[in-house]
Protein backbone atom coordinates (compact mmCIF):
# COMPACT_ATOMS: atom_id res chain seq x y z
CA UNK A 1 -28.80 32.74 21.65
CA UNK A 2 -31.40 29.97 21.86
CA UNK A 3 -30.71 26.28 21.21
CA UNK A 4 -32.37 26.45 17.77
CA UNK A 5 -30.10 29.32 16.73
CA UNK A 6 -27.04 27.41 17.99
CA UNK A 7 -28.10 24.32 16.02
CA UNK A 8 -28.60 26.38 12.87
CA UNK A 9 -25.20 28.05 13.31
CA UNK A 10 -23.47 24.67 13.87
CA UNK A 11 -25.18 23.19 10.81
CA UNK A 12 -24.07 26.09 8.61
CA UNK A 13 -20.41 26.00 9.72
CA UNK A 14 -19.37 23.09 7.44
CA UNK A 15 -21.08 24.78 4.49
CA UNK A 16 -19.36 28.08 5.27
CA UNK A 17 -15.98 26.37 5.51
CA UNK A 18 -16.57 24.53 2.24
CA UNK A 19 -17.74 27.74 0.57
CA UNK A 20 -14.62 29.60 1.68
CA UNK A 21 -12.33 26.85 0.37
CA UNK A 22 -14.18 26.64 -2.95
CA UNK A 23 -14.16 30.40 -3.35
CA UNK A 24 -10.40 30.60 -2.64
CA UNK A 25 -9.72 27.86 -5.20
CA UNK A 26 -11.98 29.59 -7.70
CA UNK A 27 -10.20 32.92 -7.27
CA UNK A 28 -6.88 31.18 -7.86
CA UNK A 29 -8.25 29.49 -10.97
CA UNK A 30 -9.69 32.79 -12.26
CA UNK A 31 -6.33 34.53 -11.82
CA UNK A 32 -4.62 31.66 -13.66
CA UNK A 33 -7.11 31.82 -16.53
CA UNK A 34 -6.78 35.60 -16.79
CA UNK A 35 -3.00 35.24 -16.97
CA UNK A 36 -3.61 33.03 -20.02
CA UNK A 37 -5.58 35.80 -21.72
CA UNK A 38 -9.19 34.92 -20.89
CA UNK A 39 -11.48 37.79 -19.97
CA UNK A 40 -13.51 37.90 -16.70
CA UNK A 41 -16.94 37.74 -18.40
CA UNK A 42 -16.07 34.61 -20.40
CA UNK A 43 -14.52 33.00 -17.31
CA UNK A 44 -17.63 33.79 -15.24
CA UNK A 45 -19.97 32.30 -17.85
CA UNK A 46 -17.83 29.19 -18.25
CA UNK A 47 -17.68 28.69 -14.46
CA UNK A 48 -21.44 29.10 -14.13
CA UNK A 49 -22.05 26.64 -16.96
CA UNK A 50 -19.62 24.10 -15.52
CA UNK A 51 -21.13 24.46 -12.03
CA UNK A 52 -24.62 23.88 -13.42
CA UNK A 53 -23.44 20.77 -15.28
CA UNK A 54 -21.83 19.47 -12.09
CA UNK A 55 -25.02 19.98 -10.05
CA UNK A 56 -27.09 18.21 -12.73
CA UNK A 57 -24.61 15.33 -12.80
CA UNK A 58 -24.74 15.01 -9.00
CA UNK A 59 -28.53 15.12 -9.02
CA UNK A 60 -28.58 12.23 -11.48
CA UNK A 61 -26.40 9.98 -9.35
CA UNK A 62 -28.15 7.38 -7.25
CA UNK A 63 -27.38 7.77 -3.57
CA UNK A 64 -26.89 4.71 -1.43
CA UNK A 65 -27.24 4.68 2.34
CA UNK A 66 -24.75 2.58 4.26
């Protein structure tokens, strides 16, 4: 494996770890919502909508560099 491939792999590790944690939390939340009677399609649409709103909100925040 070349140095560029190693750098790319190292850079993706935090994202992969974050993704795994978010996905585990999401699966737990989905199971909880289903136990309350919500159906998978409505949960999926609500999650997608909420995720989009969150991304838009983050994009609108001003970032400061310290």
